[in-house]
Amino acid sequence: MSLFETIAVALWAMLPAYVPNNAAVLAGGGRPIDGGRTWGDRRLLGDGKTWRGTAVGVAAGAALAVALSALAPAASAAVGVDFPTFPAAVAVALPAGAMAGDIAASFLKRRTGRERGAAFPGLDQLDFVVFSLLFAFVAAPAWFGAVFTLPVLAVVVVATPLLHVGTNAVAYALGLKNEPW
């Protein structure tokens, strides 16, 4: 697989995991997952992690996976890259893992004394990737092994932080986020 093909497959395969957190921000509001509970003197997660945002994020990522599966044959023929389709379990696992990773990161941020929206370099850019890949592996190990080869995983680990910082800066500039990270 050429470098172009590797990058294209990596981005295609991760799109259902890239979209959920952005969709959750757009859905905004609703009841916090932690219900306002604290551990010690800190919230478990905070007001930014809501049931509605999580549901919308997972649904948006799953819908995108279904759409990408439908488009894969035509996109593969047009671009000359063998894009993967997403089995139903993976279509849900990738975005659910992304949301779980973001929730876990929020929990860690609260435990380390960071307030909502505070930067946590490294964790902010890769939390959702680790969980989405783990969920996809558990949901469909054979599919995972065929799609997420070592070169594809390397592209994901390098490209994701760059994409994350870039999309957050755009969302901040558009007034959709309160901080640029």
C-alpha atoms as a PDB file:
ATOM      1  CA  MET A   1       0.000   0.000   0.000  1.00  0.00           C
ATOM      2  CA  SER A   2       1.404   3.395  -0.989  1.00  0.00           C
ATOM      3  CA  LEU A   3       1.713   6.277   1.481  1.00  0.00           C
ATOM      4  CA  PHE A   4      -1.276   7.990  -0.147  1.00  0.00           C
ATOM      5  CA  GLU A   5      -3.385   4.823   0.178  1.00  0.00           C
ATOM      6  CA  THR A   6      -2.311   4.342   3.804  1.00  0.00           C
ATOM      7  CA  ILE A   7      -3.266   7.910   4.716  1.00  0.00           C
ATOM      8  CA  ALA A   8      -6.561   7.654   2.838  1.00  0.00           C
ATOM      9  CA  VAL A   9      -7.528   4.371   4.514  1.00  0.00           C
ATOM     10  CA  ALA A  10      -6.508   5.677   7.961  1.00  0.00           C
ATOM     11  CA  LEU A  11      -8.633   8.808   7.657  1.00  0.00           C
ATOM     12  CA  TRP A  12     -11.579   6.936   6.115  1.00  0.00           C
ATOM     13  CA  ALA A  13     -11.532   4.244   8.805  1.00  0.00           C
ATOM     14  CA  MET A  14     -11.333   6.809  11.617  1.00  0.00           C
ATOM     15  CA  LEU A  15     -14.010   9.210  10.329  1.00  0.00           C
ATOM     16  CA  PRO A  16     -16.776   7.549  12.397  1.00  0.00           C
ATOM     17  CA  ALA A  17     -14.579   8.155  15.483  1.00  0.00           C
ATOM     18  CA  TYR A  18     -13.590  11.700  14.492  1.00  0.00           C
ATOM     19  CA  VAL A  19     -17.146  13.012  14.148  1.00  0.00           C
ATOM     20  CA  PRO A  20     -18.832  12.107  17.480  1.00  0.00           C
ATOM     21  CA  ASN A  21     -17.159  14.669  19.744  1.00  0.00           C
ATOM     22  CA  ASN A  22     -17.907  17.456  17.289  1.00  0.00           C
ATOM     23  CA  ALA A  23     -21.525  16.318  16.964  1.00  0.00           C
ATOM     24  CA  ALA A  24     -21.814  16.193  20.760  1.00  0.00           C
ATOM     25  CA  VAL A  25     -20.629  19.814  20.993  1.00  0.00           C
ATOM     26  CA  LEU A  26     -23.226  20.879  18.428  1.00  0.00           C
ATOM     27  CA  ALA A  27     -25.986  18.957  20.257  1.00  0.00           C
ATOM     28  CA  GLY A  28     -24.906  20.618  23.499  1.00  0.00           C
ATOM     29  CA  GLY A  29     -26.705  20.836  26.780  1.00  0.00           C
ATOM     30  CA  GLY A  30     -28.908  18.398  28.555  1.00  0.00           C
ATOM     31  CA  ARG A  31     -28.528  16.367  31.704  1.00  0.00           C
ATOM     32  CA  PRO A  32     -24.909  15.736  32.787  1.00  0.00           C
ATOM     33  CA  ILE A  33     -23.902  12.088  32.844  1.00  0.00           C
ATOM     34  CA  ASP A  34     -22.562  12.430  36.375  1.00  0.00           C
ATOM     35  CA  GLY A  35     -25.811  13.999  37.597  1.00  0.00           C
ATOM     36  CA  GLY A  36     -23.780  16.613  39.458  1.00  0.00           C
ATOM     37  CA  ARG A  37     -22.069  14.009  41.649  1.00  0.00           C
ATOM     38  CA  THR A  38     -18.667  14.687  43.119  1.00  0.00           C
ATOM     39  CA  TRP A  39     -15.740  12.633  44.279  1.00  0.00           C
ATOM     40  CA  GLY A  40     -14.029  14.461  47.064  1.00  0.00           C
ATOM     41  CA  ASP A  41     -14.462  18.118  46.224  1.00  0.00           C
ATOM     42  CA  ARG A  42     -14.487  17.671  42.427  1.00  0.00           C
ATOM     43  CA  ARG A  43     -17.176  16.731  39.948  1.00  0.00           C
ATOM     44  CA  LEU A  44     -16.902  13.262  38.451  1.00  0.00           C
ATOM     45  CA  LEU A  45     -17.132  14.585  34.878  1.00  0.00           C
ATOM     46  CA  GLY A  46     -18.718  18.030  34.762  1.00  0.00           C
ATOM     47  CA  ASP A  47     -21.534  19.695  32.870  1.00  0.00           C
ATOM     48  CA  GLY A  48     -19.868  19.219  29.484  1.00  0.00           C
ATOM     49  CA  LYS A  49     -20.496  15.469  29.367  1.00  0.00           C
ATOM     50  CA  THR A  50     -24.209  14.981  28.792  1.00  0.00           C
ATOM     51  CA  TRP A  51     -26.442  12.072  27.890  1.00  0.00           C
ATOM     52  CA  ARG A  52     -27.800  13.953  24.880  1.00  0.00           C
ATOM     53  CA  GLY A  53     -24.358  14.856  23.577  1.00  0.00           C
ATOM     54  CA  THR A  54     -23.160  11.281  23.990  1.00  0.00           C
ATOM     55  CA  ALA A  55     -26.211   9.826  22.230  1.00  0.00           C
ATOM     56  CA  VAL A  56     -25.998  12.338  19.388  1.00  0.00           C
ATOM     57  CA  GLY A  57     -22.258  11.732  19.031  1.00  0.00           C
ATOM     58  CA  VAL A  58     -22.637   7.964  18.789  1.00  0.00           C
ATOM     59  CA  ALA A  59     -25.593   8.276  16.408  1.00  0.00           C
ATOM     60  CA  ALA A  60     -23.735  10.735  14.156  1.00  0.00           C
ATOM     61  CA  GLY A  61     -20.654   8.516  13.998  1.00  0.00           C
ATOM     62  CA  ALA A  62     -22.714   5.399  13.314  1.00  0.00           C
ATOM     63  CA  ALA A  63     -24.721   7.169  10.590  1.00  0.00           C
ATOM     64  CA  LEU A  64     -21.483   8.317   8.993  1.00  0.00           C
ATOM     65  CA  ALA A  65     -20.118   4.747   9.068  1.00  0.00           C
ATOM     66  CA  VAL A  66     -23.263   3.501   7.310  1.00  0.00           C
ATOM     67  CA  ALA A  67     -22.951   6.272   4.704  1.00  0.00           C
ATOM     68  CA  LEU A  68     -19.247   5.552   4.168  1.00  0.00           C
ATOM     69  CA  SER A  69     -20.019   1.859   3.689  1.00  0.00           C
ATOM     70  CA  ALA A  70     -22.543   2.758   0.995  1.00  0.00           C
ATOM     71  CA  LEU A  71     -20.069   5.133  -0.674  1.00  0.00           C
ATOM     72  CA  ALA A  72     -17.031   2.849  -0.402  1.00  0.00           C
ATOM     73  CA  PRO A  73     -17.331   1.116  -3.788  1.00  0.00           C
ATOM     74  CA  ALA A  74     -17.739   4.363  -5.729  1.00  0.00           C
ATOM     75  CA  ALA A  75     -15.092   6.188  -3.678  1.00  0.00           C
ATOM     76  CA  SER A  76     -12.667   3.281  -4.092  1.00  0.00           C
ATOM     77  CA  ALA A  77     -13.161   3.292  -7.867  1.00  0.00           C
ATOM     78  CA  ALA A  78     -12.856   7.090  -8.113  1.00  0.00           C
ATOM     79  CA  VAL A  79      -9.749   7.439  -5.947  1.00  0.00           C
ATOM     80  CA  GLY A  80      -8.089   4.095  -6.620  1.00  0.00           C
ATOM     81  CA  VAL A  81      -7.954   3.156  -2.934  1.00  0.00           C
ATOM     82  CA  ASP A  82      -9.615   0.088  -1.434  1.00  0.00           C
ATOM     83  CA  PHE A  83     -11.702   1.805   1.254  1.00  0.00           C
ATOM     84  CA  PRO A  84     -13.114  -0.452   3.944  1.00  0.00           C
ATOM     85  CA  THR A  85     -16.779  -0.838   4.750  1.00  0.00           C
ATOM     86  CA  PHE A  86     -17.962  -0.926   8.358  1.00  0.00           C
ATOM     87  CA  PRO A  87     -19.727  -3.956   9.827  1.00  0.00           C
ATOM     88  CA  ALA A  88     -22.683  -2.926  12.016  1.00  0.00           C
ATOM     89  CA  ALA A  89     -20.808  -3.685  15.241  1.00  0.00           C
ATOM     90  CA  VAL A  90     -17.894  -1.493  14.154  1.00  0.00           C
ATOM     91  CA  ALA A  91     -20.219   1.272  12.949  1.00  0.00           C
ATOM     92  CA  VAL A  92     -21.374   1.601  16.561  1.00  0.00           C
ATOM     93  CA  ALA A  93     -18.106   0.643  18.305  1.00  0.00           C
ATOM     94  CA  LEU A  94     -15.931   3.350  16.737  1.00  0.00           C
ATOM     95  CA  PRO A  95     -18.130   6.309  17.749  1.00  0.00           C
ATOM     96  CA  ALA A  96     -19.087   4.741  21.098  1.00  0.00           C
ATOM     97  CA  GLY A  97     -15.400   4.258  21.852  1.00  0.00           C
ATOM     98  CA  ALA A  98     -14.675   7.842  20.872  1.00  0.00           C
ATOM     99  CA  MET A  99     -17.314   9.115  23.282  1.00  0.00           C
ATOM    100  CA  ALA A 100     -16.129   6.752  26.044  1.00  0.00           C
ATOM    101  CA  GLY A 101     -12.573   7.994  25.571  1.00  0.00           C
ATOM    102  CA  ASP A 102     -13.696  11.592  25.869  1.00  0.00           C
ATOM    103  CA  ILE A 103     -15.663  10.774  29.026  1.00  0.00           C
ATOM    104  CA  ALA A 104     -12.659   8.946  30.525  1.00  0.00           C
ATOM    105  CA  ALA A 105     -10.452  11.942  29.733  1.00  0.00           C
ATOM    106  CA  SER A 106     -12.927  14.237  31.467  1.00  0.00           C
ATOM    107  CA  PHE A 107     -12.784  11.999  34.534  1.00  0.00           C
ATOM    108  CA  LEU A 108      -8.959  12.142  34.530  1.00  0.00           C
ATOM    109  CA  LYS A 109      -9.017  15.912  34.093  1.00  0.00           C
ATOM    110  CA  ARG A 110     -11.263  16.314  37.134  1.00  0.00           C
ATOM    111  CA  ARG A 111      -9.021  14.011  39.187  1.00  0.00           C
ATOM    112  CA  THR A 112      -5.962  16.107  38.292  1.00  0.00           C
ATOM    113  CA  GLY A 113      -7.702  19.349  39.226  1.00  0.00           C
ATOM    114  CA  ARG A 114      -8.261  20.640  35.709  1.00  0.00           C
ATOM    115  CA  GLU A 115     -11.449  22.574  35.127  1.00  0.00           C
ATOM    116  CA  ARG A 116     -13.829  22.077  32.207  1.00  0.00           C
ATOM    117  CA  GLY A 117     -12.137  23.095  28.981  1.00  0.00           C
ATOM    118  CA  ALA A 118      -8.623  23.102  30.448  1.00  0.00           C
ATOM    119  CA  ALA A 119      -5.951  21.706  28.168  1.00  0.00           C
ATOM    120  CA  PHE A 120      -4.394  18.317  28.841  1.00  0.00           C
ATOM    121  CA  PRO A 121      -1.861  17.889  26.001  1.00  0.00           C
ATOM    122  CA  GLY A 122      -1.654  14.388  24.590  1.00  0.00           C
ATOM    123  CA  LEU A 123      -4.735  13.148  26.403  1.00  0.00           C
ATOM    124  CA  ASP A 124      -6.980  15.665  24.638  1.00  0.00           C
ATOM    125  CA  GLN A 125      -5.793  14.521  21.226  1.00  0.00           C
ATOM    126  CA  LEU A 126      -5.627  10.762  21.661  1.00  0.00           C
ATOM    127  CA  ASP A 127      -8.168   9.745  24.339  1.00  0.00           C
ATOM    128  CA  PHE A 128     -10.938   9.073  21.854  1.00  0.00           C
ATOM    129  CA  VAL A 129      -8.572   7.303  19.438  1.00  0.00           C
ATOM    130  CA  VAL A 130      -7.395   4.748  21.986  1.00  0.00           C
ATOM    131  CA  PHE A 131     -10.926   3.919  23.117  1.00  0.00           C
ATOM    132  CA  SER A 132     -12.417   3.834  19.615  1.00  0.00           C
ATOM    133  CA  LEU A 133      -9.693   1.473  18.429  1.00  0.00           C
ATOM    134  CA  LEU A 134     -10.137  -0.714  21.504  1.00  0.00           C
ATOM    135  CA  PHE A 135     -13.918  -0.861  21.050  1.00  0.00           C
ATOM    136  CA  ALA A 136     -13.512  -1.672  17.327  1.00  0.00           C
ATOM    137  CA  PHE A 137     -11.019  -4.418  18.104  1.00  0.00           C
ATOM    138  CA  VAL A 138     -13.376  -5.995  20.641  1.00  0.00           C
ATOM    139  CA  ALA A 139     -16.367  -5.670  18.281  1.00  0.00           C
ATOM    140  CA  ALA A 140     -14.666  -7.175  15.217  1.00  0.00           C
ATOM    141  CA  PRO A 141     -11.083  -8.395  15.695  1.00  0.00           C
ATOM    142  CA  ALA A 142     -10.674  -9.776  12.164  1.00  0.00           C
ATOM    143  CA  TRP A 143     -11.969  -6.559  10.561  1.00  0.00           C
ATOM    144  CA  PHE A 144      -9.747  -4.509  12.868  1.00  0.00           C
ATOM    145  CA  GLY A 145      -6.643  -6.515  11.922  1.00  0.00           C
ATOM    146  CA  ALA A 146      -7.370  -6.208   8.206  1.00  0.00           C
ATOM    147  CA  VAL A 147      -8.025  -2.453   8.307  1.00  0.00           C
ATOM    148  CA  PHE A 148      -5.779  -1.129  11.069  1.00  0.00           C
ATOM    149  CA  THR A 149      -2.416  -2.436   9.936  1.00  0.00           C
ATOM    150  CA  LEU A 150       0.672  -1.013  11.643  1.00  0.00           C
ATOM    151  CA  PRO A 151       1.222   1.645   8.947  1.00  0.00           C
ATOM    152  CA  VAL A 152      -2.443   2.708   9.175  1.00  0.00           C
ATOM    153  CA  LEU A 153      -2.212   2.889  12.973  1.00  0.00           C
ATOM    154  CA  ALA A 154       0.951   5.000  12.670  1.00  0.00           C
ATOM    155  CA  VAL A 155      -0.877   7.474  10.419  1.00  0.00           C
ATOM    156  CA  VAL A 156      -3.782   7.617  12.875  1.00  0.00           C
ATOM    157  CA  VAL A 157      -1.453   8.386  15.794  1.00  0.00           C
ATOM    158  CA  VAL A 158       0.397  11.106  13.880  1.00  0.00           C
ATOM    159  CA  ALA A 159      -2.503  12.661  11.945  1.00  0.00           C
ATOM    160  CA  THR A 160      -5.107  12.704  14.710  1.00  0.00           C
ATOM    161  CA  PRO A 161      -3.423  15.279  16.972  1.00  0.00           C
ATOM    162  CA  LEU A 162      -2.887  17.556  13.962  1.00  0.00           C
ATOM    163  CA  LEU A 163      -6.507  17.201  12.861  1.00  0.00           C
ATOM    164  CA  HIS A 164      -7.747  17.616  16.431  1.00  0.00           C
ATOM    165  CA  VAL A 165      -5.874  20.863  16.989  1.00  0.00           C
ATOM    166  CA  GLY A 166      -6.937  22.186  13.577  1.00  0.00           C
ATOM    167  CA  THR A 167     -10.633  21.390  13.919  1.00  0.00           C
ATOM    168  CA  ASN A 168     -10.731  22.771  17.466  1.00  0.00           C
ATOM    169  CA  ALA A 169      -9.151  26.019  16.284  1.00  0.00           C
ATOM    170  CA  VAL A 170     -11.811  26.306  13.567  1.00  0.00           C
ATOM    171  CA  ALA A 171     -14.614  25.539  16.047  1.00  0.00           C
ATOM    172  CA  TYR A 172     -13.218  28.182  18.408  1.00  0.00           C
ATOM    173  CA  ALA A 173     -13.012  30.741  15.595  1.00  0.00           C
ATOM    174  CA  LEU A 174     -16.633  29.994  14.671  1.00  0.00           C
ATOM    175  CA  GLY A 175     -17.709  30.457  18.290  1.00  0.00           C
ATOM    176  CA  LEU A 176     -18.664  26.783  18.743  1.00  0.00           C
ATOM    177  CA  LYS A 177     -16.073  26.206  21.470  1.00  0.00           C
ATOM    178  CA  ASN A 178     -14.970  28.375  24.376  1.00  0.00           C
ATOM    179  CA  GLU A 179     -11.302  27.400  24.078  1.00  0.00           C
ATOM    180  CA  PRO A 180      -9.079  26.685  21.059  1.00  0.00           C
ATOM    181  CA  TRP A 181      -7.895  23.217  22.181  1.00  0.00           C
END
